[in-house]
Amino acid sequence: IDGNLIDFGKEMEVNCRNLVLELLDFVDDVVDDLGCRNDLNYVHKILEHGTGADRQLAVYEQTGNFESVVDYITTQTLIGAK
């Protein structure tokens, strides 16, 4: 999400986050009818806080230890399983 994509409407390369935000804005008026507001909210959360891979990389950069990354993944999985 930190890279660039092609915006075929504008025929140019644009920031991925900006393109996703534009798409979310475009579909916003129908998401409640489709029952997918929570899904769009989750996309906003990813844009704000990064992906799971981003967080795993941050743990590795802080610790330099793959075991810490595995511990982080395990903890996050258990939290999500509740």
C-alpha atoms as a PDB file:
ATOM      1  CA  ILE A   1       0.000   0.000   0.000  1.00  0.00           C
ATOM      2  CA  ASP A   2       3.016   2.268   0.084  1.00  0.00           C
ATOM      3  CA  GLY A   3       3.718   1.849  -3.611  1.00  0.00           C
ATOM      4  CA  ASN A   4       2.156   3.233  -6.741  1.00  0.00           C
ATOM      5  CA  LEU A   5      -0.520   1.929  -9.093  1.00  0.00           C
ATOM      6  CA  ILE A   6      -1.761   2.970 -12.484  1.00  0.00           C
ATOM      7  CA  ASP A   7      -4.915   5.081 -12.437  1.00  0.00           C
ATOM      8  CA  PHE A   8      -6.328   4.175 -15.828  1.00  0.00           C
ATOM      9  CA  GLY A   9      -8.877   6.994 -15.665  1.00  0.00           C
ATOM     10  CA  LYS A  10      -6.129   9.578 -15.264  1.00  0.00           C
ATOM     11  CA  GLU A  11      -3.655   7.557 -17.342  1.00  0.00           C
ATOM     12  CA  MET A  12      -0.904   8.086 -14.796  1.00  0.00           C
ATOM     13  CA  GLU A  13       0.872   6.493 -11.864  1.00  0.00           C
ATOM     14  CA  VAL A  14      -0.583   7.459  -8.482  1.00  0.00           C
ATOM     15  CA  ASN A  15       0.014   6.610  -4.837  1.00  0.00           C
ATOM     16  CA  CYS A  16      -1.777   3.384  -3.892  1.00  0.00           C
ATOM     17  CA  ARG A  17      -3.231   4.835  -0.689  1.00  0.00           C
ATOM     18  CA  ASN A  18      -4.719   7.757  -2.580  1.00  0.00           C
ATOM     19  CA  LEU A  19      -6.223   5.471  -5.204  1.00  0.00           C
ATOM     20  CA  VAL A  20      -7.753   3.211  -2.543  1.00  0.00           C
ATOM     21  CA  LEU A  21      -9.191   6.231  -0.711  1.00  0.00           C
ATOM     22  CA  GLU A  22     -10.663   7.480  -3.983  1.00  0.00           C
ATOM     23  CA  LEU A  23     -12.270   4.075  -4.586  1.00  0.00           C
ATOM     24  CA  LEU A  24     -13.655   3.946  -1.039  1.00  0.00           C
ATOM     25  CA  ASP A  25     -15.155   7.390  -1.511  1.00  0.00           C
ATOM     26  CA  PHE A  26     -16.649   6.315  -4.853  1.00  0.00           C
ATOM     27  CA  VAL A  27     -18.488   3.315  -3.346  1.00  0.00           C
ATOM     28  CA  ASP A  28     -19.382   4.923  -0.003  1.00  0.00           C
ATOM     29  CA  ASP A  29     -22.998   5.696  -0.919  1.00  0.00           C
ATOM     30  CA  VAL A  30     -23.828   2.006  -1.519  1.00  0.00           C
ATOM     31  CA  VAL A  31     -21.834   0.145   1.144  1.00  0.00           C
ATOM     32  CA  ASP A  32     -24.596   0.290   3.742  1.00  0.00           C
ATOM     33  CA  ASP A  33     -27.114  -1.128   1.263  1.00  0.00           C
ATOM     34  CA  LEU A  34     -24.635  -3.892   0.454  1.00  0.00           C
ATOM     35  CA  GLY A  35     -23.938  -4.544   4.142  1.00  0.00           C
ATOM     36  CA  CYS A  36     -20.190  -4.116   3.864  1.00  0.00           C
ATOM     37  CA  ARG A  37     -19.518  -0.972   5.932  1.00  0.00           C
ATOM     38  CA  ASN A  38     -17.379  -2.978   8.382  1.00  0.00           C
ATOM     39  CA  ASP A  39     -15.227  -4.204   5.510  1.00  0.00           C
ATOM     40  CA  LEU A  40     -14.590  -0.669   4.313  1.00  0.00           C
ATOM     41  CA  ASN A  41     -13.830   0.436   7.864  1.00  0.00           C
ATOM     42  CA  TYR A  42     -11.218  -2.327   8.016  1.00  0.00           C
ATOM     43  CA  VAL A  43      -9.621  -1.051   4.811  1.00  0.00           C
ATOM     44  CA  HIS A  44      -9.386   2.396   6.432  1.00  0.00           C
ATOM     45  CA  LYS A  45      -7.752   0.756   9.476  1.00  0.00           C
ATOM     46  CA  ILE A  46      -5.169  -0.931   7.242  1.00  0.00           C
ATOM     47  CA  LEU A  47      -4.430   2.352   5.499  1.00  0.00           C
ATOM     48  CA  GLU A  48      -3.982   4.065   8.856  1.00  0.00           C
ATOM     49  CA  HIS A  49      -2.031   1.400  10.759  1.00  0.00           C
ATOM     50  CA  GLY A  50      -0.429  -0.670   8.002  1.00  0.00           C
ATOM     51  CA  THR A  51      -0.726  -4.325   7.149  1.00  0.00           C
ATOM     52  CA  GLY A  52       0.159  -7.301   9.301  1.00  0.00           C
ATOM     53  CA  ALA A  53       3.365  -7.594   7.295  1.00  0.00           C
ATOM     54  CA  ASP A  54       4.211  -3.970   8.130  1.00  0.00           C
ATOM     55  CA  ARG A  55       3.777  -4.693  11.833  1.00  0.00           C
ATOM     56  CA  GLN A  56       5.855  -7.877  11.596  1.00  0.00           C
ATOM     57  CA  LEU A  57       8.662  -5.963   9.906  1.00  0.00           C
ATOM     58  CA  ALA A  58       8.484  -3.338  12.647  1.00  0.00           C
ATOM     59  CA  VAL A  59       8.877  -6.042  15.311  1.00  0.00           C
ATOM     60  CA  TYR A  60      11.909  -7.424  13.484  1.00  0.00           C
ATOM     61  CA  GLU A  61      13.441  -3.975  13.048  1.00  0.00           C
ATOM     62  CA  GLN A  62      12.988  -3.295  16.774  1.00  0.00           C
ATOM     63  CA  THR A  63      14.349  -6.644  17.967  1.00  0.00           C
ATOM     64  CA  GLY A  64      16.438  -8.084  15.134  1.00  0.00           C
ATOM     65  CA  ASN A  65      15.028 -11.417  16.196  1.00  0.00           C
ATOM     66  CA  PHE A  66      12.810 -13.755  14.170  1.00  0.00           C
ATOM     67  CA  GLU A  67      11.575 -15.458  17.341  1.00  0.00           C
ATOM     68  CA  SER A  68      10.090 -12.138  18.441  1.00  0.00           C
ATOM     69  CA  VAL A  69       8.252 -11.945  15.128  1.00  0.00           C
ATOM     70  CA  VAL A  70       6.865 -15.459  15.632  1.00  0.00           C
ATOM     71  CA  ASP A  71       5.823 -14.537  19.184  1.00  0.00           C
ATOM     72  CA  TYR A  72       4.089 -11.431  17.829  1.00  0.00           C
ATOM     73  CA  ILE A  73       2.243 -13.426  15.155  1.00  0.00           C
ATOM     74  CA  THR A  74       1.186 -16.028  17.715  1.00  0.00           C
ATOM     75  CA  THR A  75      -0.097 -13.385  20.114  1.00  0.00           C
ATOM     76  CA  GLN A  76      -2.003 -11.564  17.382  1.00  0.00           C
ATOM     77  CA  THR A  77      -3.542 -14.840  16.196  1.00  0.00           C
ATOM     78  CA  LEU A  78      -4.689 -15.727  19.709  1.00  0.00           C
ATOM     79  CA  ILE A  79      -6.153 -12.248  20.210  1.00  0.00           C
ATOM     80  CA  GLY A  80      -8.026 -12.558  16.913  1.00  0.00           C
ATOM     81  CA  ALA A  81      -9.309 -16.017  17.813  1.00  0.00           C
ATOM     82  CA  LYS A  82     -11.155 -14.756  20.883  1.00  0.00           C
END
